[in-house]
């Protein structure tokens, strides 16, 4: 229970909230009438920001293995080796192998 209270009352969070409230009271004095709304929204807004930050950090790029012949990318090295062997021998792509390639739409160019 002590850890939960310590996490919720982190000094950085409290300092940020105090800064926002001070900024709001100085530049928008009419907001004092709605201070209770700001205090009620502190918890949900901080949770949303925390979840967004955690989600952003969790997306780590995966290691990709590239076929040196055709340039297709695979998550597993075995498929990249099979693709390279097929491409070298037949000078074409095999549909059963290429279905394991990573679909990377960022690298595609549109006409």
Protein backbone atom coordinates (compact mmCIF):
# COMPACT_ATOMS: atom_id res chain seq x y z
CA UNK A 1 0.00 0.00 0.00
CA UNK A 2 2.91 2.32 0.76
CA UNK A 3 4.33 1.83 -2.76
CA UNK A 4 1.01 2.75 -4.38
CA UNK A 5 0.82 6.00 -2.41
CA UNK A 6 4.45 6.76 -3.22
CA UNK A 7 3.84 6.17 -6.93
CA UNK A 8 0.69 8.27 -7.06
CA UNK A 9 2.29 11.12 -5.13
CA UNK A 10 5.51 11.28 -7.08
CA UNK A 11 7.16 14.66 -6.56
CA UNK A 12 7.61 15.15 -10.31
CA UNK A 13 3.90 14.62 -10.95
CA UNK A 14 2.89 16.93 -8.11
CA UNK A 15 5.35 19.58 -9.27
CA UNK A 16 3.94 19.38 -12.82
CA UNK A 17 0.38 19.71 -11.58
CA UNK A 18 1.32 22.66 -9.40
CA UNK A 19 3.03 24.33 -12.37
CA UNK A 20 0.00 23.90 -14.61
CA UNK A 21 -2.36 25.22 -11.93
CA UNK A 22 -0.12 28.21 -11.22
CA UNK A 23 0.15 28.98 -14.93
CA UNK A 24 -3.63 28.72 -15.30
CA UNK A 25 -4.37 30.95 -12.30
CA UNK A 26 -1.91 33.63 -13.45
CA UNK A 27 -2.97 33.84 -17.09
CA UNK A 28 -6.64 32.82 -16.78
CA UNK A 29 -7.93 34.08 -13.41
CA UNK A 30 -11.50 33.00 -14.22
CA UNK A 31 -10.37 29.39 -13.99
CA UNK A 32 -10.38 29.59 -10.18
CA UNK A 33 -14.13 28.91 -10.33
CA UNK A 34 -13.39 25.56 -12.01
CA UNK A 35 -10.38 24.50 -9.92
CA UNK A 36 -12.30 21.51 -8.58
CA UNK A 37 -12.68 20.19 -12.15
CA UNK A 38 -8.93 20.38 -12.66
CA UNK A 39 -8.32 18.46 -9.45
CA UNK A 40 -10.84 15.78 -10.45
CA UNK A 41 -9.24 15.40 -13.89
CA UNK A 42 -5.68 15.14 -12.60
CA UNK A 43 -5.80 11.38 -12.03
CA UNK A 44 -7.43 10.33 -15.34
CA UNK A 45 -5.24 12.67 -17.37
CA UNK A 46 -2.05 11.50 -15.69
CA UNK A 47 -3.07 7.87 -16.31
CA UNK A 48 -3.68 8.55 -19.99
CA UNK A 49 -0.31 10.26 -20.32
CA UNK A 50 1.42 7.44 -18.47
CA UNK A 51 -0.16 4.76 -20.66
CA UNK A 52 0.78 6.68 -23.79
CA UNK A 53 4.38 6.95 -22.60
CA UNK A 54 4.54 3.25 -21.73
CA UNK A 55 3.06 2.26 -25.07
CA UNK A 56 5.56 4.43 -26.91
CA UNK A 57 8.50 2.84 -25.09
CA UNK A 58 7.28 -0.72 -25.64
CA UNK A 59 7.56 -0.61 -29.44
CA UNK A 60 11.10 -1.80 -29.99
CA UNK A 61 12.18 -2.54 -33.53
CA UNK A 62 12.51 -6.22 -34.28
CA UNK A 63 15.60 -7.67 -35.84
CA UNK A 64 15.02 -8.34 -39.49
CA UNK A 65 16.87 -10.77 -41.70
CA UNK A 66 17.20 -9.77 -45.35
CA UNK A 67 17.55 -12.01 -48.37
CA UNK A 68 20.68 -10.73 -50.19
CA UNK A 69 19.27 -11.68 -53.59
CA UNK A 70 15.79 -10.15 -53.64
CA UNK A 71 15.85 -7.90 -50.56
CA UNK A 72 12.78 -9.34 -48.83
CA UNK A 73 12.85 -9.11 -45.03
CA UNK A 74 12.06 -11.95 -42.63
CA UNK A 75 11.74 -12.21 -38.84
CA UNK A 76 13.41 -15.63 -38.74
CA UNK A 77 16.89 -16.21 -40.20
CA UNK A 78 15.92 -19.62 -41.58
CA UNK A 79 13.38 -18.09 -43.98
CA UNK A 80 15.94 -15.55 -45.19
CA UNK A 81 18.40 -18.39 -45.87
CA UNK A 82 15.74 -20.43 -47.71
CA UNK A 83 14.80 -17.39 -49.77
CA UNK A 84 18.43 -16.68 -50.64
CA UNK A 85 19.01 -20.30 -51.66
CA UNK A 86 15.88 -20.35 -53.84
CA UNK A 87 16.61 -16.95 -55.41
CA UNK A 88 20.20 -17.92 -56.21
CA UNK A 89 19.22 -21.24 -57.76
CA UNK A 90 16.05 -20.26 -59.67
CA UNK A 91 16.39 -16.47 -60.14
CA UNK A 92 12.79 -16.09 -58.97
CA UNK A 93 10.76 -15.95 -55.78
CA UNK A 94 8.93 -18.91 -54.28
CA UNK A 95 5.40 -18.11 -53.05
CA UNK A 96 5.58 -20.50 -50.09
CA UNK A 97 8.75 -18.78 -48.86
CA UNK A 98 7.74 -15.20 -49.58
CA UNK A 99 4.49 -15.54 -47.63
CA UNK A 100 6.70 -15.45 -44.49
CA UNK A 101 8.22 -12.10 -45.49
CA UNK A 102 7.49 -9.03 -43.40
CA UNK A 103 4.92 -6.77 -44.96
CA UNK A 104 6.59 -3.39 -44.57
CA UNK A 105 4.36 -0.70 -46.05
CA UNK A 106 6.66 2.13 -44.98
CA UNK A 107 9.31 1.14 -47.49
CA UNK A 108 6.90 0.83 -50.42
CA UNK A 109 6.60 3.70 -52.80
CA UNK A 110 3.39 4.60 -54.52
CA UNK A 111 3.10 5.95 -58.02
